[in-house]
């Protein structure tokens, strides 16, 4: 349940898991137990581990899809339990291998991040994601339909459109959950080169089960 009123936003954008324990409802074995780490404001942290080690569960907890059974999660030193879920989620940009694109236009998918953005702002975000030239070359431009779940785009184009949407959101905290999984080597390398300047001014957590992208992190922990 959300608190009755949100507190003042944090003064800085560090992330901290303080002895967090979490068991999914209906299960008896914790997926994480006494998990304790801190990401300083502006730091880039890689989290690696085998499938089932609890990596993606950290995203579910951070986005307040579930409450921890023990411990606290802090943003800027403030427990996220003090804030409504919508407020916490407004501070987070998430890019994953399963980022959803609606069966709508490029423009409509981007405007989810900022409904007031004009075409110039949309193209700036697309340029940062290295997708501007592709969209401008389309006969319908921003009004091009992407298809169900973005099926009219290649895997790399769909991931870049999701990245442009996150750039448009201007979230200070960036969560990368296997963001290049399923892409070929050349597309993966190009996407990481695009992500590097996007990560520069943000606090970042990269969740992965393989080494791709870890060279961009300041440090790495293993679950």
C-alpha atoms as a PDB file:
ATOM      1  CA  UNK A   1       0.000   0.000   0.000  1.00  0.00           C
ATOM      2  CA  UNK A   2       1.112   3.528  -0.779  1.00  0.00           C
ATOM      3  CA  UNK A   3       1.752   6.014   2.033  1.00  0.00           C
ATOM      4  CA  UNK A   4      -1.013   8.626   2.468  1.00  0.00           C
ATOM      5  CA  UNK A   5       1.274  11.406   1.212  1.00  0.00           C
ATOM      6  CA  UNK A   6       4.666  11.473  -0.450  1.00  0.00           C
ATOM      7  CA  UNK A   7       7.709  12.952   1.272  1.00  0.00           C
ATOM      8  CA  UNK A   8      10.033  15.540  -0.265  1.00  0.00           C
ATOM      9  CA  UNK A   9      12.200  14.027  -3.053  1.00  0.00           C
ATOM     10  CA  UNK A  10      15.734  12.914  -2.136  1.00  0.00           C
ATOM     11  CA  UNK A  11      18.549  15.439  -2.360  1.00  0.00           C
ATOM     12  CA  UNK A  12      20.813  13.043  -4.263  1.00  0.00           C
ATOM     13  CA  UNK A  13      20.419   9.850  -6.282  1.00  0.00           C
ATOM     14  CA  UNK A  14      22.269   7.075  -4.517  1.00  0.00           C
ATOM     15  CA  UNK A  15      20.696   3.603  -4.208  1.00  0.00           C
ATOM     16  CA  UNK A  16      21.062   1.299  -1.235  1.00  0.00           C
ATOM     17  CA  UNK A  17      19.811  -2.150  -0.301  1.00  0.00           C
ATOM     18  CA  UNK A  18      20.134  -2.489   3.485  1.00  0.00           C
ATOM     19  CA  UNK A  19      20.017  -6.155   4.593  1.00  0.00           C
ATOM     20  CA  UNK A  20      17.100  -6.837   2.257  1.00  0.00           C
ATOM     21  CA  UNK A  21      15.383 -10.219   2.433  1.00  0.00           C
ATOM     22  CA  UNK A  22      12.625 -11.183   0.009  1.00  0.00           C
ATOM     23  CA  UNK A  23      10.515 -14.296  -0.558  1.00  0.00           C
ATOM     24  CA  UNK A  24       7.908 -14.398  -3.301  1.00  0.00           C
ATOM     25  CA  UNK A  25       4.342 -14.933  -2.014  1.00  0.00           C
ATOM     26  CA  UNK A  26       3.503 -18.632  -1.736  1.00  0.00           C
ATOM     27  CA  UNK A  27       7.147 -19.713  -1.559  1.00  0.00           C
ATOM     28  CA  UNK A  28       9.279 -20.618   1.420  1.00  0.00           C
ATOM     29  CA  UNK A  29      12.811 -20.058   0.142  1.00  0.00           C
ATOM     30  CA  UNK A  30      14.075 -16.446   0.017  1.00  0.00           C
ATOM     31  CA  UNK A  31      15.260 -15.296  -3.389  1.00  0.00           C
ATOM     32  CA  UNK A  32      17.584 -12.812  -1.656  1.00  0.00           C
ATOM     33  CA  UNK A  33      18.597 -12.807   1.999  1.00  0.00           C
ATOM     34  CA  UNK A  34      20.348 -10.015   3.942  1.00  0.00           C
ATOM     35  CA  UNK A  35      21.384  -8.365   0.673  1.00  0.00           C
ATOM     36  CA  UNK A  36      23.505  -5.325   1.455  1.00  0.00           C
ATOM     37  CA  UNK A  37      25.117  -2.947  -1.057  1.00  0.00           C
ATOM     38  CA  UNK A  38      25.237   0.743  -1.949  1.00  0.00           C
ATOM     39  CA  UNK A  39      25.535   2.579  -5.272  1.00  0.00           C
ATOM     40  CA  UNK A  40      26.777   6.139  -4.834  1.00  0.00           C
ATOM     41  CA  UNK A  41      25.157   8.966  -6.799  1.00  0.00           C
ATOM     42  CA  UNK A  42      26.529   8.826 -10.349  1.00  0.00           C
ATOM     43  CA  UNK A  43      28.183   5.441  -9.827  1.00  0.00           C
ATOM     44  CA  UNK A  44      27.745   2.538 -12.259  1.00  0.00           C
ATOM     45  CA  UNK A  45      27.324  -0.888 -10.628  1.00  0.00           C
ATOM     46  CA  UNK A  46      27.208  -4.232 -12.428  1.00  0.00           C
ATOM     47  CA  UNK A  47      25.331  -7.105 -10.777  1.00  0.00           C
ATOM     48  CA  UNK A  48      26.046 -10.562 -12.183  1.00  0.00           C
ATOM     49  CA  UNK A  49      24.828 -14.017 -11.296  1.00  0.00           C
ATOM     50  CA  UNK A  50      23.309 -17.169 -12.696  1.00  0.00           C
ATOM     51  CA  UNK A  51      19.657 -17.407 -13.713  1.00  0.00           C
ATOM     52  CA  UNK A  52      17.545 -17.640 -10.552  1.00  0.00           C
ATOM     53  CA  UNK A  53      20.067 -15.869  -8.320  1.00  0.00           C
ATOM     54  CA  UNK A  54      17.662 -12.966  -7.716  1.00  0.00           C
ATOM     55  CA  UNK A  55      18.996 -10.323 -10.118  1.00  0.00           C
ATOM     56  CA  UNK A  56      15.681  -9.354 -11.729  1.00  0.00           C
ATOM     57  CA  UNK A  57      13.932  -9.578  -8.353  1.00  0.00           C
ATOM     58  CA  UNK A  58      15.979  -6.512  -7.355  1.00  0.00           C
ATOM     59  CA  UNK A  59      14.207  -4.570 -10.121  1.00  0.00           C
ATOM     60  CA  UNK A  60      10.800  -5.749  -8.888  1.00  0.00           C
ATOM     61  CA  UNK A  61      11.662  -4.578  -5.366  1.00  0.00           C
ATOM     62  CA  UNK A  62      13.111  -1.256  -6.484  1.00  0.00           C
ATOM     63  CA  UNK A  63      10.017  -0.489  -8.584  1.00  0.00           C
ATOM     64  CA  UNK A  64       7.777  -1.375  -5.608  1.00  0.00           C
ATOM     65  CA  UNK A  65       6.048  -4.269  -7.364  1.00  0.00           C
ATOM     66  CA  UNK A  66       6.734  -6.178  -4.126  1.00  0.00           C
ATOM     67  CA  UNK A  67       7.723  -5.044  -0.632  1.00  0.00           C
ATOM     68  CA  UNK A  68      10.788  -6.664   0.975  1.00  0.00           C
ATOM     69  CA  UNK A  69      10.137  -9.031   3.877  1.00  0.00           C
ATOM     70  CA  UNK A  70      13.030  -7.523   5.775  1.00  0.00           C
ATOM     71  CA  UNK A  71      15.461  -4.639   5.514  1.00  0.00           C
ATOM     72  CA  UNK A  72      15.056  -1.386   3.569  1.00  0.00           C
ATOM     73  CA  UNK A  73      15.694   0.025   0.121  1.00  0.00           C
ATOM     74  CA  UNK A  74      16.892   3.636   0.100  1.00  0.00           C
ATOM     75  CA  UNK A  75      17.071   6.280  -2.625  1.00  0.00           C
ATOM     76  CA  UNK A  76      19.208   9.253  -1.634  1.00  0.00           C
ATOM     77  CA  UNK A  77      19.229   7.921   1.929  1.00  0.00           C
ATOM     78  CA  UNK A  78      15.413   7.926   2.133  1.00  0.00           C
ATOM     79  CA  UNK A  79      13.407   4.667   2.456  1.00  0.00           C
ATOM     80  CA  UNK A  80      11.294   4.140  -0.662  1.00  0.00           C
ATOM     81  CA  UNK A  81       8.410   3.134   1.606  1.00  0.00           C
ATOM     82  CA  UNK A  82       7.978   6.874   2.277  1.00  0.00           C
ATOM     83  CA  UNK A  83       6.992   7.491  -1.341  1.00  0.00           C
ATOM     84  CA  UNK A  84       4.028   6.414  -3.502  1.00  0.00           C
ATOM     85  CA  UNK A  85       4.963   3.830  -6.123  1.00  0.00           C
ATOM     86  CA  UNK A  86       4.254   6.237  -9.006  1.00  0.00           C
ATOM     87  CA  UNK A  87       6.696   8.775  -7.534  1.00  0.00           C
ATOM     88  CA  UNK A  88       9.475   6.191  -7.140  1.00  0.00           C
ATOM     89  CA  UNK A  89       8.905   4.919 -10.687  1.00  0.00           C
ATOM     90  CA  UNK A  90       9.111   8.457 -12.071  1.00  0.00           C
ATOM     91  CA  UNK A  91      12.761   8.568 -10.951  1.00  0.00           C
ATOM     92  CA  UNK A  92      13.690   5.301 -12.671  1.00  0.00           C
ATOM     93  CA  UNK A  93      14.395   4.535 -16.299  1.00  0.00           C
ATOM     94  CA  UNK A  94      14.433   0.818 -17.089  1.00  0.00           C
ATOM     95  CA  UNK A  95      15.844  -0.731 -20.245  1.00  0.00           C
ATOM     96  CA  UNK A  96      15.562  -4.492 -20.555  1.00  0.00           C
ATOM     97  CA  UNK A  97      15.504  -7.224 -23.169  1.00  0.00           C
ATOM     98  CA  UNK A  98      11.699  -7.274 -22.851  1.00  0.00           C
ATOM     99  CA  UNK A  99      10.923  -3.537 -22.933  1.00  0.00           C
ATOM    100  CA  UNK A 100       7.415  -3.329 -24.357  1.00  0.00           C
ATOM    101  CA  UNK A 101       6.452  -1.329 -27.431  1.00  0.00           C
ATOM    102  CA  UNK A 102       2.754  -0.761 -28.019  1.00  0.00           C
ATOM    103  CA  UNK A 103       1.022  -1.410 -31.347  1.00  0.00           C
ATOM    104  CA  UNK A 104       1.047   2.300 -32.090  1.00  0.00           C
ATOM    105  CA  UNK A 105       3.257   4.888 -33.782  1.00  0.00           C
ATOM    106  CA  UNK A 106       6.843   5.800 -32.975  1.00  0.00           C
ATOM    107  CA  UNK A 107       5.529   9.123 -31.673  1.00  0.00           C
ATOM    108  CA  UNK A 108       2.919   7.547 -29.374  1.00  0.00           C
ATOM    109  CA  UNK A 109       5.444   5.105 -27.917  1.00  0.00           C
ATOM    110  CA  UNK A 110       7.848   7.978 -27.165  1.00  0.00           C
ATOM    111  CA  UNK A 111       5.191  10.244 -25.658  1.00  0.00           C
ATOM    112  CA  UNK A 112       4.627   7.697 -22.879  1.00  0.00           C
ATOM    113  CA  UNK A 113       7.787   9.155 -21.338  1.00  0.00           C
ATOM    114  CA  UNK A 114       6.793  12.822 -21.743  1.00  0.00           C
ATOM    115  CA  UNK A 115       3.277  13.558 -23.064  1.00  0.00           C
ATOM    116  CA  UNK A 116       4.151  17.242 -23.581  1.00  0.00           C
ATOM    117  CA  UNK A 117       7.242  16.670 -25.747  1.00  0.00           C
ATOM    118  CA  UNK A 118       7.198  18.308 -29.178  1.00  0.00           C
ATOM    119  CA  UNK A 119       8.615  16.784 -32.363  1.00  0.00           C
ATOM    120  CA  UNK A 120      11.964  18.522 -31.866  1.00  0.00           C
ATOM    121  CA  UNK A 121      12.364  16.901 -28.438  1.00  0.00           C
ATOM    122  CA  UNK A 122      11.352  13.513 -29.856  1.00  0.00           C
ATOM    123  CA  UNK A 123      13.966  13.750 -32.595  1.00  0.00           C
ATOM    124  CA  UNK A 124      16.644  14.829 -30.091  1.00  0.00           C
ATOM    125  CA  UNK A 125      15.923  11.698 -28.045  1.00  0.00           C
ATOM    126  CA  UNK A 126      16.004   9.570 -31.195  1.00  0.00           C
ATOM    127  CA  UNK A 127      19.321  11.193 -32.170  1.00  0.00           C
ATOM    128  CA  UNK A 128      20.807  10.317 -28.777  1.00  0.00           C
ATOM    129  CA  UNK A 129      19.681   6.727 -29.340  1.00  0.00           C
ATOM    130  CA  UNK A 130      21.133   6.809 -32.901  1.00  0.00           C
ATOM    131  CA  UNK A 131      17.720   6.221 -34.450  1.00  0.00           C
ATOM    132  CA  UNK A 132      16.944   9.691 -35.837  1.00  0.00           C
ATOM    133  CA  UNK A 133      18.137   9.014 -39.383  1.00  0.00           C
ATOM    134  CA  UNK A 134      16.151   5.789 -39.609  1.00  0.00           C
ATOM    135  CA  UNK A 135      12.903   7.428 -38.442  1.00  0.00           C
ATOM    136  CA  UNK A 136      13.326  10.531 -40.635  1.00  0.00           C
ATOM    137  CA  UNK A 137      13.801   8.255 -43.673  1.00  0.00           C
ATOM    138  CA  UNK A 138      10.496   6.465 -43.086  1.00  0.00           C
ATOM    139  CA  UNK A 139       7.607   7.685 -45.303  1.00  0.00           C
ATOM    140  CA  UNK A 140       5.420   8.360 -42.247  1.00  0.00           C
ATOM    141  CA  UNK A 141       8.283   9.460 -39.979  1.00  0.00           C
ATOM    142  CA  UNK A 142       7.194   9.689 -36.355  1.00  0.00           C
ATOM    143  CA  UNK A 143       3.744   8.442 -37.322  1.00  0.00           C
ATOM    144  CA  UNK A 144       5.095   5.070 -38.507  1.00  0.00           C
ATOM    145  CA  UNK A 145       3.328   2.154 -36.825  1.00  0.00           C
ATOM    146  CA  UNK A 146       5.757  -0.175 -35.040  1.00  0.00           C
ATOM    147  CA  UNK A 147       3.451  -3.213 -34.936  1.00  0.00           C
ATOM    148  CA  UNK A 148       2.448  -5.472 -32.044  1.00  0.00           C
ATOM    149  CA  UNK A 149       5.322  -5.396 -29.523  1.00  0.00           C
ATOM    150  CA  UNK A 150       7.426  -3.554 -32.126  1.00  0.00           C
ATOM    151  CA  UNK A 151       7.496  -6.503 -34.556  1.00  0.00           C
ATOM    152  CA  UNK A 152       7.912  -4.166 -37.568  1.00  0.00           C
ATOM    153  CA  UNK A 153      11.320  -3.129 -36.200  1.00  0.00           C
ATOM    154  CA  UNK A 154      14.521  -5.132 -35.914  1.00  0.00           C
ATOM    155  CA  UNK A 155      15.663  -6.153 -32.440  1.00  0.00           C
ATOM    156  CA  UNK A 156      18.256  -3.390 -32.377  1.00  0.00           C
ATOM    157  CA  UNK A 157      15.812  -0.749 -33.593  1.00  0.00           C
ATOM    158  CA  UNK A 158      13.217  -1.748 -31.002  1.00  0.00           C
ATOM    159  CA  UNK A 159      15.837  -1.574 -28.229  1.00  0.00           C
ATOM    160  CA  UNK A 160      16.969   1.861 -29.461  1.00  0.00           C
ATOM    161  CA  UNK A 161      13.392   3.135 -29.512  1.00  0.00           C
ATOM    162  CA  UNK A 162      13.034   1.980 -25.911  1.00  0.00           C
ATOM    163  CA  UNK A 163      16.306   3.754 -25.125  1.00  0.00           C
ATOM    164  CA  UNK A 164      15.043   6.969 -26.767  1.00  0.00           C
ATOM    165  CA  UNK A 165      11.937   6.757 -24.587  1.00  0.00           C
ATOM    166  CA  UNK A 166      14.096   6.450 -21.467  1.00  0.00           C
ATOM    167  CA  UNK A 167      16.264   9.394 -22.577  1.00  0.00           C
ATOM    168  CA  UNK A 168      13.115  11.475 -23.044  1.00  0.00           C
ATOM    169  CA  UNK A 169      12.017  10.611 -19.507  1.00  0.00           C
ATOM    170  CA  UNK A 170      15.232  12.120 -18.041  1.00  0.00           C
ATOM    171  CA  UNK A 171      15.146   9.745 -15.076  1.00  0.00           C
ATOM    172  CA  UNK A 172      18.160  10.184 -12.748  1.00  0.00           C
ATOM    173  CA  UNK A 173      18.346   6.453 -11.973  1.00  0.00           C
ATOM    174  CA  UNK A 174      18.931   3.967 -14.800  1.00  0.00           C
ATOM    175  CA  UNK A 175      18.340   0.224 -14.492  1.00  0.00           C
ATOM    176  CA  UNK A 176      19.704  -1.938 -17.307  1.00  0.00           C
ATOM    177  CA  UNK A 177      18.299  -5.485 -17.090  1.00  0.00           C
ATOM    178  CA  UNK A 178      20.063  -7.583 -19.751  1.00  0.00           C
ATOM    179  CA  UNK A 179      19.583  -4.665 -22.205  1.00  0.00           C
ATOM    180  CA  UNK A 180      21.463  -6.272 -25.123  1.00  0.00           C
ATOM    181  CA  UNK A 181      20.348  -9.888 -24.650  1.00  0.00           C
ATOM    182  CA  UNK A 182      19.338 -11.514 -27.935  1.00  0.00           C
ATOM    183  CA  UNK A 183      21.145  -9.001 -30.155  1.00  0.00           C
ATOM    184  CA  UNK A 184      23.932  -9.976 -32.553  1.00  0.00           C
ATOM    185  CA  UNK A 185      27.478  -8.988 -31.599  1.00  0.00           C
ATOM    186  CA  UNK A 186      27.702  -5.938 -33.884  1.00  0.00           C
ATOM    187  CA  UNK A 187      24.307  -4.559 -32.792  1.00  0.00           C
ATOM    188  CA  UNK A 188      25.182  -5.209 -29.154  1.00  0.00           C
ATOM    189  CA  UNK A 189      28.477  -3.315 -29.416  1.00  0.00           C
ATOM    190  CA  UNK A 190      26.784  -0.395 -31.179  1.00  0.00           C
ATOM    191  CA  UNK A 191      24.072  -0.210 -28.520  1.00  0.00           C
ATOM    192  CA  UNK A 192      26.630  -0.095 -25.708  1.00  0.00           C
ATOM    193  CA  UNK A 193      28.438   2.736 -27.471  1.00  0.00           C
ATOM    194  CA  UNK A 194      25.107   4.564 -27.573  1.00  0.00           C
ATOM    195  CA  UNK A 195      24.366   3.820 -23.918  1.00  0.00           C
ATOM    196  CA  UNK A 196      27.732   5.117 -22.658  1.00  0.00           C
ATOM    197  CA  UNK A 197      26.952   8.871 -22.886  1.00  0.00           C
ATOM    198  CA  UNK A 198      23.389   8.252 -21.627  1.00  0.00           C
ATOM    199  CA  UNK A 199      24.822   6.635 -18.483  1.00  0.00           C
ATOM    200  CA  UNK A 200      27.346   9.410 -17.864  1.00  0.00           C
ATOM    201  CA  UNK A 201      25.186  11.665 -15.674  1.00  0.00           C
ATOM    202  CA  UNK A 202      23.103   8.965 -13.972  1.00  0.00           C
ATOM    203  CA  UNK A 203      23.266   6.393 -11.214  1.00  0.00           C
ATOM    204  CA  UNK A 204      23.264   3.034 -13.025  1.00  0.00           C
ATOM    205  CA  UNK A 205      22.678  -0.608 -12.155  1.00  0.00           C
ATOM    206  CA  UNK A 206      23.441  -3.141 -14.890  1.00  0.00           C
ATOM    207  CA  UNK A 207      22.012  -6.618 -14.281  1.00  0.00           C
ATOM    208  CA  UNK A 208      23.553  -9.380 -16.372  1.00  0.00           C
ATOM    209  CA  UNK A 209      24.519 -13.043 -16.416  1.00  0.00           C
ATOM    210  CA  UNK A 210      27.370 -12.461 -18.855  1.00  0.00           C
ATOM    211  CA  UNK A 211      30.261  -9.982 -19.237  1.00  0.00           C
ATOM    212  CA  UNK A 212      28.740  -7.741 -21.960  1.00  0.00           C
ATOM    213  CA  UNK A 213      28.745  -4.102 -20.822  1.00  0.00           C
ATOM    214  CA  UNK A 214      30.627  -4.671 -17.581  1.00  0.00           C
ATOM    215  CA  UNK A 215      33.586  -2.673 -18.902  1.00  0.00           C
ATOM    216  CA  UNK A 216      31.391   0.433 -18.593  1.00  0.00           C
ATOM    217  CA  UNK A 217      30.759  -0.196 -14.880  1.00  0.00           C
ATOM    218  CA  UNK A 218      32.801   1.257 -11.996  1.00  0.00           C
ATOM    219  CA  UNK A 219      32.565  -2.019 -10.068  1.00  0.00           C
ATOM    220  CA  UNK A 220      30.782  -5.370 -10.172  1.00  0.00           C
ATOM    221  CA  UNK A 221      29.184  -7.547  -7.505  1.00  0.00           C
ATOM    222  CA  UNK A 222      28.088 -11.161  -7.868  1.00  0.00           C
ATOM    223  CA  UNK A 223      24.963 -12.815  -6.456  1.00  0.00           C
END
